[in-house]
N, C-alpha and C. Protein backbone atom coordinates (compact mmCIF):
# COMPACT_ATOMS: atom_id res chain seq x y z
N UNK A 1 75.44 108.23 89.87
CA UNK A 1 75.82 106.82 89.75
C UNK A 1 74.85 105.96 90.55
N UNK A 2 74.42 104.86 89.95
CA UNK A 2 73.51 103.92 90.61
C UNK A 2 74.30 102.74 91.17
N UNK A 3 73.68 101.95 92.06
CA UNK A 3 74.36 100.74 92.54
C UNK A 3 74.77 99.80 91.40
N UNK A 4 73.91 99.65 90.38
CA UNK A 4 74.26 98.78 89.25
C UNK A 4 75.47 99.32 88.48
N UNK A 5 75.50 100.64 88.28
CA UNK A 5 76.64 101.23 87.58
C UNK A 5 77.93 101.09 88.41
N UNK A 6 77.78 101.21 89.71
CA UNK A 6 78.93 101.02 90.59
C UNK A 6 79.47 99.60 90.43
N UNK A 7 78.57 98.63 90.40
CA UNK A 7 79.00 97.23 90.26
C UNK A 7 79.68 97.00 88.91
N UNK A 8 79.15 97.59 87.85
CA UNK A 8 79.77 97.44 86.53
C UNK A 8 81.17 98.07 86.50
N UNK A 9 81.32 99.19 87.18
CA UNK A 9 82.60 99.92 87.17
C UNK A 9 83.66 99.19 87.98
N UNK A 10 83.25 98.61 89.11
CA UNK A 10 84.22 98.03 90.05
C UNK A 10 84.33 96.52 89.97
N UNK A 11 83.31 95.87 89.38
CA UNK A 11 83.27 94.41 89.29
C UNK A 11 83.19 93.74 90.66
N UNK A 12 82.60 94.42 91.65
CA UNK A 12 82.38 93.78 92.94
C UNK A 12 81.15 92.87 92.85
N UNK A 13 80.94 92.04 93.84
CA UNK A 13 79.83 91.09 93.82
C UNK A 13 78.50 91.77 94.15
N UNK A 14 77.42 91.09 93.83
CA UNK A 14 76.09 91.61 94.19
C UNK A 14 75.96 91.72 95.71
N UNK A 15 76.52 90.76 96.42
CA UNK A 15 76.47 90.79 97.89
C UNK A 15 77.15 92.05 98.42
N UNK A 16 78.29 92.42 97.82
CA UNK A 16 78.99 93.63 98.24
C UNK A 16 78.12 94.86 98.02
N UNK A 17 77.47 94.93 96.86
CA UNK A 17 76.59 96.06 96.57
C UNK A 17 75.44 96.11 97.57
N UNK A 18 74.89 94.96 97.93
CA UNK A 18 73.81 94.92 98.92
C UNK A 18 74.27 95.47 100.26
N UNK A 19 75.51 95.18 100.64
CA UNK A 19 76.05 95.72 101.89
C UNK A 19 76.23 97.23 101.80
N UNK A 20 76.64 97.72 100.64
CA UNK A 20 76.79 99.16 100.47
C UNK A 20 75.43 99.87 100.47
N UNK A 21 74.38 99.20 100.00
CA UNK A 21 73.03 99.76 100.07
C UNK A 21 72.62 99.94 101.54
N UNK A 22 72.97 98.96 102.38
CA UNK A 22 72.72 99.07 103.82
C UNK A 22 73.50 100.26 104.38
N UNK A 23 74.74 100.37 104.00
CA UNK A 23 75.61 101.48 104.42
C UNK A 23 74.96 102.81 104.03
N UNK A 24 74.48 102.91 102.81
CA UNK A 24 73.83 104.14 102.35
C UNK A 24 72.63 104.47 103.23
N UNK A 25 71.80 103.49 103.50
CA UNK A 25 70.61 103.72 104.33
C UNK A 25 70.99 104.24 105.71
N UNK A 26 72.00 103.63 106.31
CA UNK A 26 72.43 104.05 107.64
C UNK A 26 73.03 105.45 107.61
N UNK A 27 73.80 105.75 106.57
CA UNK A 27 74.40 107.07 106.47
C UNK A 27 73.32 108.15 106.37
N UNK A 28 72.30 107.90 105.57
CA UNK A 28 71.23 108.88 105.42
C UNK A 28 70.46 109.05 106.73
N UNK A 29 70.29 107.96 107.46
CA UNK A 29 69.58 108.01 108.75
C UNK A 29 70.39 108.78 109.79
N UNK A 30 71.67 108.46 109.91
CA UNK A 30 72.51 109.09 110.93
C UNK A 30 72.83 110.55 110.58
N UNK A 31 72.89 110.86 109.29
CA UNK A 31 73.21 112.22 108.87
C UNK A 31 72.22 113.24 109.44
N UNK A 32 71.01 112.79 109.69
CA UNK A 32 69.99 113.68 110.26
C UNK A 32 70.33 114.06 111.70
N UNK A 33 71.18 113.24 112.35
CA UNK A 33 71.51 113.49 113.76
C UNK A 33 72.90 114.09 113.94
N UNK A 34 73.87 113.60 113.16
CA UNK A 34 75.23 114.13 113.26
C UNK A 34 75.78 114.38 111.85
N UNK A 35 76.67 115.33 111.74
CA UNK A 35 77.21 115.70 110.43
C UNK A 35 78.33 114.74 110.05
N UNK A 36 78.01 113.75 109.24
CA UNK A 36 78.98 112.74 108.82
C UNK A 36 79.67 113.12 107.51
N UNK A 37 78.89 113.64 106.58
CA UNK A 37 79.42 114.07 105.27
C UNK A 37 78.73 115.37 104.88
N UNK A 38 79.26 116.03 103.88
CA UNK A 38 78.59 117.22 103.37
C UNK A 38 77.21 116.84 102.82
N UNK A 39 76.18 117.54 103.27
CA UNK A 39 74.81 117.20 102.86
C UNK A 39 74.63 117.25 101.34
N UNK A 40 75.41 118.09 100.68
CA UNK A 40 75.27 118.22 99.22
C UNK A 40 75.74 116.97 98.48
N UNK A 41 76.52 116.12 99.15
CA UNK A 41 77.04 114.92 98.48
C UNK A 41 76.13 113.71 98.64
N UNK A 42 75.15 113.79 99.54
CA UNK A 42 74.29 112.62 99.79
C UNK A 42 73.55 112.11 98.56
N UNK A 43 73.01 113.00 97.70
CA UNK A 43 72.30 112.48 96.53
C UNK A 43 73.19 111.68 95.57
N UNK A 44 74.50 111.86 95.66
CA UNK A 44 75.42 111.15 94.75
C UNK A 44 76.43 110.32 95.53
N UNK A 45 75.93 109.63 96.56
CA UNK A 45 76.81 108.90 97.46
C UNK A 45 77.60 107.80 96.75
N UNK A 46 77.01 107.18 95.73
CA UNK A 46 77.71 106.07 95.07
C UNK A 46 78.94 106.54 94.31
N UNK A 47 78.91 107.75 93.79
CA UNK A 47 80.09 108.32 93.12
C UNK A 47 81.00 109.02 94.13
N UNK A 48 80.44 109.95 94.90
CA UNK A 48 81.24 110.85 95.72
C UNK A 48 81.89 110.15 96.92
N UNK A 49 81.29 109.07 97.40
CA UNK A 49 81.83 108.41 98.58
C UNK A 49 82.22 106.95 98.34
N UNK A 50 81.32 106.17 97.73
CA UNK A 50 81.63 104.75 97.55
C UNK A 50 82.68 104.52 96.46
N UNK A 51 82.48 105.09 95.27
CA UNK A 51 83.48 104.90 94.22
C UNK A 51 84.77 105.63 94.58
N UNK A 52 84.65 106.81 95.17
CA UNK A 52 85.83 107.57 95.57
C UNK A 52 86.68 106.74 96.54
N UNK A 53 86.03 106.05 97.47
CA UNK A 53 86.76 105.20 98.42
C UNK A 53 87.29 103.92 97.76
N UNK A 54 86.47 103.31 96.93
CA UNK A 54 86.87 102.05 96.28
C UNK A 54 88.15 102.22 95.47
N UNK A 55 88.36 103.39 94.87
CA UNK A 55 89.51 103.55 93.97
C UNK A 55 90.86 103.46 94.70
N UNK A 56 90.83 103.47 96.02
CA UNK A 56 92.06 103.23 96.78
C UNK A 56 92.51 101.77 96.65
N UNK A 57 91.55 100.88 96.53
CA UNK A 57 91.85 99.43 96.56
C UNK A 57 92.93 99.00 95.57
N UNK A 58 92.88 99.39 94.30
CA UNK A 58 93.91 98.93 93.37
C UNK A 58 95.32 99.39 93.74
N UNK A 59 95.43 100.46 94.53
CA UNK A 59 96.75 100.97 94.90
C UNK A 59 97.35 100.20 96.08
N UNK A 60 96.53 99.40 96.76
CA UNK A 60 96.99 98.72 97.97
C UNK A 60 97.78 97.45 97.69
N UNK A 61 97.63 96.91 96.47
CA UNK A 61 98.35 95.68 96.14
C UNK A 61 98.01 94.57 97.11
N UNK A 62 99.04 93.88 97.61
CA UNK A 62 98.79 92.76 98.52
C UNK A 62 98.86 93.17 99.99
N UNK A 63 98.84 94.46 100.27
CA UNK A 63 98.82 94.93 101.66
C UNK A 63 97.60 94.36 102.36
N UNK A 64 97.81 93.62 103.43
CA UNK A 64 96.70 92.93 104.10
C UNK A 64 96.19 93.66 105.33
N UNK A 65 96.98 94.61 105.85
CA UNK A 65 96.55 95.39 107.00
C UNK A 65 96.59 96.87 106.65
N UNK A 66 95.49 97.55 106.91
CA UNK A 66 95.36 98.95 106.51
C UNK A 66 94.87 99.77 107.69
N UNK A 67 95.42 100.97 107.86
CA UNK A 67 94.91 101.93 108.83
C UNK A 67 94.36 103.13 108.08
N UNK A 68 93.14 103.52 108.43
CA UNK A 68 92.51 104.70 107.83
C UNK A 68 92.50 105.80 108.88
N UNK A 69 93.26 106.86 108.63
CA UNK A 69 93.38 107.96 109.58
C UNK A 69 92.22 108.94 109.45
N UNK A 70 91.66 109.33 110.59
CA UNK A 70 90.52 110.26 110.54
C UNK A 70 89.38 109.67 109.74
N UNK A 71 88.99 108.45 110.09
CA UNK A 71 88.08 107.67 109.24
C UNK A 71 86.70 108.28 109.11
N UNK A 72 86.26 109.09 110.06
CA UNK A 72 84.98 109.78 109.93
C UNK A 72 83.81 108.84 109.70
N UNK A 73 83.12 109.03 108.60
CA UNK A 73 81.96 108.20 108.26
C UNK A 73 82.38 106.86 107.64
N UNK A 74 83.70 106.61 107.59
CA UNK A 74 84.17 105.32 107.08
C UNK A 74 84.76 105.36 105.69
N UNK A 75 85.06 106.56 105.21
CA UNK A 75 85.62 106.69 103.86
C UNK A 75 87.09 107.06 103.94
N UNK A 76 87.98 106.26 103.36
CA UNK A 76 87.70 105.07 102.52
C UNK A 76 87.71 103.74 103.27
N UNK A 77 88.12 103.72 104.55
CA UNK A 77 88.43 102.45 105.21
C UNK A 77 87.30 101.45 105.29
N UNK A 78 86.10 101.90 105.64
CA UNK A 78 84.98 100.98 105.79
C UNK A 78 84.53 100.43 104.44
N UNK A 79 84.62 101.25 103.40
CA UNK A 79 84.31 100.76 102.05
C UNK A 79 85.33 99.70 101.63
N UNK A 80 86.60 99.92 101.94
CA UNK A 80 87.64 98.92 101.65
C UNK A 80 87.33 97.61 102.36
N UNK A 81 86.94 97.71 103.63
CA UNK A 81 86.64 96.50 104.42
C UNK A 81 85.47 95.72 103.82
N UNK A 82 84.47 96.43 103.29
CA UNK A 82 83.31 95.77 102.70
C UNK A 82 83.66 95.16 101.34
N UNK A 83 84.44 95.88 100.55
CA UNK A 83 84.77 95.43 99.19
C UNK A 83 85.91 94.41 99.16
N UNK A 84 86.75 94.39 100.17
CA UNK A 84 87.90 93.47 100.22
C UNK A 84 87.96 92.84 101.61
N UNK A 85 87.04 91.94 101.91
CA UNK A 85 86.92 91.41 103.28
C UNK A 85 88.13 90.63 103.77
N UNK A 86 89.04 90.24 102.87
CA UNK A 86 90.24 89.52 103.32
C UNK A 86 91.24 90.45 104.01
N UNK A 87 91.08 91.75 103.82
CA UNK A 87 92.00 92.71 104.43
C UNK A 87 91.54 93.07 105.85
N UNK A 88 92.50 93.33 106.71
CA UNK A 88 92.21 93.79 108.06
C UNK A 88 92.31 95.31 108.08
N UNK A 89 91.20 95.98 108.41
CA UNK A 89 91.15 97.44 108.33
C UNK A 89 90.96 98.03 109.73
N UNK A 90 91.84 98.95 110.08
CA UNK A 90 91.76 99.68 111.33
C UNK A 90 91.24 101.09 111.03
N UNK A 91 90.15 101.47 111.67
CA UNK A 91 89.60 102.81 111.52
C UNK A 91 90.01 103.63 112.73
N UNK A 92 90.71 104.73 112.49
CA UNK A 92 91.19 105.59 113.57
C UNK A 92 90.42 106.89 113.52
N UNK A 93 89.66 107.17 114.57
CA UNK A 93 88.76 108.32 114.58
C UNK A 93 88.59 108.82 116.02
N UNK A 94 88.81 110.12 116.22
CA UNK A 94 88.75 110.69 117.58
C UNK A 94 87.34 111.03 118.03
N UNK A 95 86.39 111.16 117.10
CA UNK A 95 85.01 111.54 117.43
C UNK A 95 84.21 110.27 117.77
N UNK A 96 83.79 110.17 119.03
CA UNK A 96 83.10 108.96 119.49
C UNK A 96 81.79 108.73 118.75
N UNK A 97 81.10 109.80 118.34
CA UNK A 97 79.83 109.64 117.63
C UNK A 97 80.05 109.00 116.26
N UNK A 98 81.14 109.39 115.60
CA UNK A 98 81.44 108.79 114.30
C UNK A 98 81.86 107.33 114.47
N UNK A 99 82.55 107.04 115.57
CA UNK A 99 82.89 105.64 115.86
C UNK A 99 81.63 104.80 116.08
N UNK A 100 80.64 105.39 116.75
CA UNK A 100 79.37 104.68 116.97
C UNK A 100 78.70 104.37 115.64
N UNK A 101 78.77 105.30 114.71
CA UNK A 101 78.23 105.05 113.37
C UNK A 101 78.98 103.92 112.69
N UNK A 102 80.30 103.93 112.75
CA UNK A 102 81.11 102.87 112.15
C UNK A 102 80.72 101.50 112.72
N UNK A 103 80.52 101.45 114.04
CA UNK A 103 80.14 100.20 114.70
C UNK A 103 78.80 99.70 114.16
N UNK A 104 77.86 100.62 113.98
CA UNK A 104 76.53 100.24 113.48
C UNK A 104 76.62 99.70 112.05
N UNK A 105 77.38 100.36 111.19
CA UNK A 105 77.53 99.88 109.81
C UNK A 105 78.20 98.50 109.81
N UNK A 106 79.24 98.34 110.62
CA UNK A 106 79.92 97.05 110.68
C UNK A 106 78.98 95.95 111.17
N UNK A 107 78.16 96.27 112.15
CA UNK A 107 77.23 95.27 112.69
C UNK A 107 76.22 94.83 111.64
N UNK A 108 75.70 95.79 110.87
CA UNK A 108 74.65 95.46 109.90
C UNK A 108 75.18 94.88 108.59
N UNK A 109 76.44 95.16 108.28
CA UNK A 109 77.01 94.66 107.01
C UNK A 109 77.95 93.47 107.22
N UNK A 110 78.35 93.23 108.47
CA UNK A 110 79.31 92.16 108.73
C UNK A 110 80.75 92.54 108.38
N UNK A 111 81.00 93.82 108.15
CA UNK A 111 82.36 94.26 107.81
C UNK A 111 83.31 93.99 108.97
N UNK A 112 84.48 93.47 108.63
CA UNK A 112 85.49 93.16 109.65
C UNK A 112 86.43 94.36 109.80
N UNK A 113 86.19 95.12 110.85
CA UNK A 113 87.01 96.30 111.10
C UNK A 113 87.41 96.34 112.56
N UNK A 114 88.48 97.07 112.84
CA UNK A 114 88.86 97.36 114.21
C UNK A 114 88.83 98.88 114.37
N UNK A 115 88.09 99.35 115.35
CA UNK A 115 87.88 100.78 115.55
C UNK A 115 88.72 101.28 116.72
N UNK A 116 89.42 102.36 116.49
CA UNK A 116 90.25 102.97 117.53
C UNK A 116 89.74 104.39 117.75
N UNK A 117 89.05 104.62 118.87
CA UNK A 117 88.52 105.95 119.19
C UNK A 117 89.64 106.78 119.83
N UNK A 118 90.58 107.18 118.97
CA UNK A 118 91.76 107.92 119.43
C UNK A 118 92.21 108.88 118.33
N UNK A 119 93.01 109.84 118.71
CA UNK A 119 93.64 110.70 117.73
C UNK A 119 94.76 109.93 117.03
N UNK A 120 95.00 110.23 115.79
CA UNK A 120 95.99 109.50 115.00
C UNK A 120 97.38 109.57 115.62
N UNK A 121 97.74 110.74 116.15
CA UNK A 121 99.09 110.89 116.71
C UNK A 121 99.29 110.05 117.96
N UNK A 122 98.19 109.61 118.59
CA UNK A 122 98.30 108.78 119.79
C UNK A 122 98.51 107.31 119.46
N UNK A 123 98.45 106.95 118.19
CA UNK A 123 98.56 105.54 117.78
C UNK A 123 100.00 105.09 117.56
N UNK A 124 100.93 106.02 117.49
CA UNK A 124 102.33 105.65 117.24
C UNK A 124 102.82 104.68 118.30
N UNK A 125 103.41 103.59 117.84
CA UNK A 125 103.91 102.56 118.74
C UNK A 125 102.90 101.49 119.10
N UNK A 126 101.63 101.73 118.80
CA UNK A 126 100.58 100.77 119.17
C UNK A 126 100.04 99.98 117.98
N UNK A 127 100.45 100.36 116.77
CA UNK A 127 99.91 99.71 115.58
C UNK A 127 100.94 99.72 114.47
N UNK A 128 101.09 98.58 113.78
CA UNK A 128 101.96 98.48 112.62
C UNK A 128 101.16 97.86 111.48
N UNK A 129 101.07 98.56 110.37
CA UNK A 129 100.26 98.10 109.24
C UNK A 129 101.06 98.17 107.95
N UNK A 130 100.55 97.48 106.93
CA UNK A 130 101.21 97.47 105.63
C UNK A 130 100.88 98.71 104.81
N UNK A 131 99.75 99.37 105.13
CA UNK A 131 99.35 100.55 104.36
C UNK A 131 98.55 101.49 105.24
N UNK A 132 98.74 102.77 104.99
CA UNK A 132 97.96 103.81 105.67
C UNK A 132 97.25 104.64 104.61
N UNK A 133 95.98 104.93 104.86
CA UNK A 133 95.23 105.75 103.93
C UNK A 133 94.50 106.85 104.68
N UNK A 134 94.06 107.85 103.95
CA UNK A 134 93.29 108.95 104.53
C UNK A 134 92.62 109.72 103.40
N UNK A 135 91.51 110.35 103.76
CA UNK A 135 90.80 111.19 102.80
C UNK A 135 90.36 112.47 103.49
N UNK A 136 90.74 113.60 102.92
CA UNK A 136 90.29 114.91 103.41
C UNK A 136 90.61 115.13 104.88
N UNK A 137 91.78 114.67 105.32
CA UNK A 137 92.15 114.82 106.73
C UNK A 137 93.08 116.01 106.95
N UNK A 138 94.14 116.09 106.16
CA UNK A 138 95.14 117.13 106.36
C UNK A 138 96.03 117.21 105.13
N UNK A 139 96.77 118.32 104.97
CA UNK A 139 97.75 118.39 103.88
C UNK A 139 98.83 117.32 104.06
N UNK A 140 99.49 116.98 102.98
CA UNK A 140 100.46 115.89 102.97
C UNK A 140 101.57 116.06 104.01
N UNK A 141 102.07 117.28 104.17
CA UNK A 141 103.17 117.47 105.12
C UNK A 141 102.72 117.27 106.56
N UNK A 142 101.41 117.38 106.82
CA UNK A 142 100.86 117.09 108.15
C UNK A 142 100.47 115.61 108.28
N UNK A 143 100.10 114.98 107.17
CA UNK A 143 99.70 113.57 107.19
C UNK A 143 100.88 112.63 107.45
N UNK A 144 102.00 112.91 106.81
CA UNK A 144 103.12 111.97 106.89
C UNK A 144 103.63 111.73 108.31
N UNK A 145 103.76 112.75 109.15
CA UNK A 145 104.19 112.47 110.53
C UNK A 145 103.20 111.61 111.31
N UNK A 146 101.94 111.60 110.91
CA UNK A 146 100.94 110.74 111.54
C UNK A 146 101.00 109.32 111.00
N UNK A 147 101.25 109.20 109.69
CA UNK A 147 101.17 107.91 109.02
C UNK A 147 102.43 107.07 109.17
N UNK A 148 103.60 107.68 108.99
CA UNK A 148 104.85 106.93 108.92
C UNK A 148 105.12 106.10 110.18
N UNK A 149 104.83 106.60 111.40
CA UNK A 149 105.07 105.76 112.58
C UNK A 149 104.22 104.49 112.65
N UNK A 150 103.17 104.43 111.84
CA UNK A 150 102.30 103.25 111.84
C UNK A 150 102.69 102.21 110.79
N UNK A 151 103.63 102.57 109.91
CA UNK A 151 103.97 101.70 108.79
C UNK A 151 104.95 100.60 109.19
N UNK A 152 104.64 99.37 108.76
CA UNK A 152 105.60 98.29 108.88
C UNK A 152 106.69 98.48 107.83
N UNK A 153 107.75 97.67 107.91
CA UNK A 153 108.83 97.74 106.92
C UNK A 153 108.24 97.54 105.53
N UNK A 154 108.67 98.37 104.59
CA UNK A 154 108.17 98.33 103.20
C UNK A 154 106.70 98.71 103.08
N UNK A 155 106.16 99.37 104.09
CA UNK A 155 104.78 99.81 104.03
C UNK A 155 104.60 100.99 103.08
N UNK A 156 103.35 101.27 102.73
CA UNK A 156 103.05 102.37 101.80
C UNK A 156 101.91 103.22 102.33
N UNK A 157 101.84 104.43 101.82
CA UNK A 157 100.71 105.32 102.09
C UNK A 157 99.96 105.56 100.80
N UNK A 158 98.65 105.58 100.88
CA UNK A 158 97.85 105.90 99.70
C UNK A 158 96.76 106.88 100.13
N UNK A 159 96.82 108.09 99.58
CA UNK A 159 95.96 109.18 100.02
C UNK A 159 95.11 109.71 98.86
N UNK A 160 93.84 109.95 99.14
CA UNK A 160 92.96 110.62 98.19
C UNK A 160 93.18 112.12 98.32
N UNK A 161 93.59 112.74 97.23
CA UNK A 161 93.96 114.15 97.28
C UNK A 161 93.23 114.95 96.19
N UNK A 162 92.94 116.21 96.51
CA UNK A 162 92.23 117.08 95.58
C UNK A 162 93.17 117.77 94.60
N UNK A 163 92.67 118.83 94.02
CA UNK A 163 93.38 119.50 92.92
C UNK A 163 94.70 120.13 93.34
N UNK A 164 94.91 120.31 94.65
CA UNK A 164 96.15 120.94 95.12
C UNK A 164 97.25 119.92 95.40
N UNK A 165 97.07 118.68 94.95
CA UNK A 165 98.01 117.63 95.36
C UNK A 165 99.46 117.90 94.93
N UNK A 166 99.65 118.54 93.78
CA UNK A 166 101.03 118.80 93.33
C UNK A 166 101.72 119.79 94.26
N UNK A 167 101.00 120.81 94.68
CA UNK A 167 101.57 121.77 95.63
C UNK A 167 101.85 121.10 96.97
N UNK A 168 100.96 120.20 97.39
CA UNK A 168 101.16 119.47 98.64
C UNK A 168 102.41 118.59 98.56
N UNK A 169 102.61 117.96 97.42
CA UNK A 169 103.80 117.13 97.23
C UNK A 169 105.07 117.97 97.32
N UNK A 170 105.07 119.11 96.67
CA UNK A 170 106.24 119.99 96.70
C UNK A 170 106.57 120.39 98.13
N UNK A 171 105.54 120.73 98.90
CA UNK A 171 105.74 121.12 100.29
C UNK A 171 106.29 119.95 101.11
N UNK A 172 105.70 118.77 100.94
CA UNK A 172 106.12 117.61 101.72
C UNK A 172 107.54 117.15 101.37
N UNK A 173 107.91 117.30 100.10
CA UNK A 173 109.23 116.83 99.66
C UNK A 173 110.36 117.69 100.20
N UNK A 174 110.04 118.82 100.81
CA UNK A 174 111.09 119.61 101.45
C UNK A 174 111.56 118.96 102.75
N UNK A 175 110.74 118.06 103.30
CA UNK A 175 111.08 117.41 104.57
C UNK A 175 111.16 115.90 104.49
N UNK A 176 110.71 115.32 103.37
CA UNK A 176 110.63 113.86 103.26
C UNK A 176 111.19 113.37 101.93
N UNK A 177 111.93 112.26 101.99
CA UNK A 177 112.26 111.50 100.79
C UNK A 177 111.13 110.50 100.58
N UNK A 178 110.70 110.30 99.33
CA UNK A 178 109.67 109.30 99.05
C UNK A 178 109.60 109.02 97.56
N UNK A 179 109.08 107.84 97.25
CA UNK A 179 108.83 107.47 95.87
C UNK A 179 107.33 107.61 95.63
N UNK A 180 106.96 108.42 94.64
CA UNK A 180 105.57 108.83 94.47
C UNK A 180 105.01 108.30 93.15
N UNK A 181 103.78 107.79 93.22
CA UNK A 181 103.03 107.54 91.99
C UNK A 181 101.64 108.17 92.16
N UNK A 182 101.14 108.77 91.10
CA UNK A 182 99.84 109.43 91.14
C UNK A 182 98.94 108.85 90.06
N UNK A 183 97.71 108.52 90.44
CA UNK A 183 96.72 108.00 89.50
C UNK A 183 95.55 108.98 89.48
N UNK A 184 95.11 109.36 88.30
CA UNK A 184 94.00 110.31 88.20
C UNK A 184 92.75 109.78 88.90
N UNK A 185 92.07 110.65 89.60
CA UNK A 185 90.86 110.27 90.32
C UNK A 185 89.75 109.86 89.35
N UNK A 186 88.98 108.86 89.75
CA UNK A 186 87.82 108.43 88.97
C UNK A 186 86.62 109.33 89.20
N UNK A 187 86.67 110.16 90.23
CA UNK A 187 85.47 110.86 90.66
C UNK A 187 85.56 112.38 90.61
N UNK A 188 86.77 112.91 90.45
CA UNK A 188 86.93 114.35 90.55
C UNK A 188 87.99 114.84 89.59
N UNK A 189 87.66 115.79 88.73
CA UNK A 189 88.67 116.33 87.82
C UNK A 189 89.82 116.96 88.59
N UNK A 190 91.03 116.72 88.11
CA UNK A 190 92.25 117.31 88.69
C UNK A 190 92.66 116.70 90.03
N UNK A 191 91.88 115.78 90.58
CA UNK A 191 92.25 115.11 91.82
C UNK A 191 93.04 113.85 91.50
N UNK A 192 93.61 113.22 92.54
CA UNK A 192 94.45 112.05 92.31
C UNK A 192 94.48 111.15 93.54
N UNK A 193 94.83 109.90 93.30
CA UNK A 193 95.18 108.99 94.38
C UNK A 193 96.71 108.91 94.40
N UNK A 194 97.31 109.36 95.49
CA UNK A 194 98.76 109.35 95.62
C UNK A 194 99.21 108.13 96.39
N UNK A 195 100.19 107.40 95.85
CA UNK A 195 100.78 106.28 96.56
C UNK A 195 102.24 106.60 96.83
N UNK A 196 102.62 106.53 98.10
CA UNK A 196 103.97 106.90 98.52
C UNK A 196 104.67 105.70 99.12
N UNK A 197 105.89 105.45 98.66
CA UNK A 197 106.68 104.33 99.17
C UNK A 197 108.08 104.83 99.56
N UNK A 198 108.81 104.00 100.32
CA UNK A 198 110.18 104.32 100.72
C UNK A 198 110.24 105.71 101.37
N UNK A 199 109.35 105.94 102.31
CA UNK A 199 109.22 107.27 102.93
C UNK A 199 110.21 107.40 104.09
N UNK A 200 111.02 108.44 104.01
CA UNK A 200 111.98 108.70 105.10
C UNK A 200 112.11 110.19 105.31
N UNK A 201 112.21 110.60 106.56
CA UNK A 201 112.41 112.00 106.86
C UNK A 201 113.80 112.43 106.44
N UNK A 202 113.93 113.64 105.95
CA UNK A 202 115.23 114.17 105.53
C UNK A 202 116.04 114.59 106.75
C-alpha cells in the first residue's frame, strides 16, 4: 500500500498523509536502534501499521478521550491522534525507549498526545477515558482487567485482534458480561476489530 492508496482508502487529508510520512521516516530510523515493530513489516508499513491502526477510528464513534494500552511504537493510538486531532489520546507504555520514540513523532508531526511511562495496571484510578484500545498486547481475558478500571461511565473498548479472537471471546465471557460487535479486519484475513460495551465482571 502506498501513501496515495492509504489516502484513497481512508479519505484523510493530504496534511495527515504528510504527517504519517514523517512518522514512517522516524520509525525506520529508530528501528535500527531499538526493536519497535517486526522488521518484516517495515516494507508494508502503510498497510500493516497505519491502515491497521486507522481502522479503529470508525469504532470509536464520538468518544473524545482514548487510552492506548501498551502503545509501543504508537499503534494504534498515535495514528488515531494524527488522523483525528480533535480526540485526546493517552499512550500508556512501560518501556521508556518507546516513550522517547513517541515523543519524537509527536514533536515532528504536532500530534496531540499524553504519554504515560507506566504499566497499564498502575493507571487504575488515575485516568478515566471514553474508550480504551490495544493491539497485540494480551489475550482478551487479560486485557479487560487492565482496561475496565480506566473506562468512564458508558465507555467502550475496541481491540485489534487476530484469528484467535473467537476463542479469546469465549474465554473472556466466562468472567465478564459484555455486548460485543466484531468488524472484519481491513488488513488481515480472519482478524477483527472487537468493540465491547456494557462490560461488567460476573
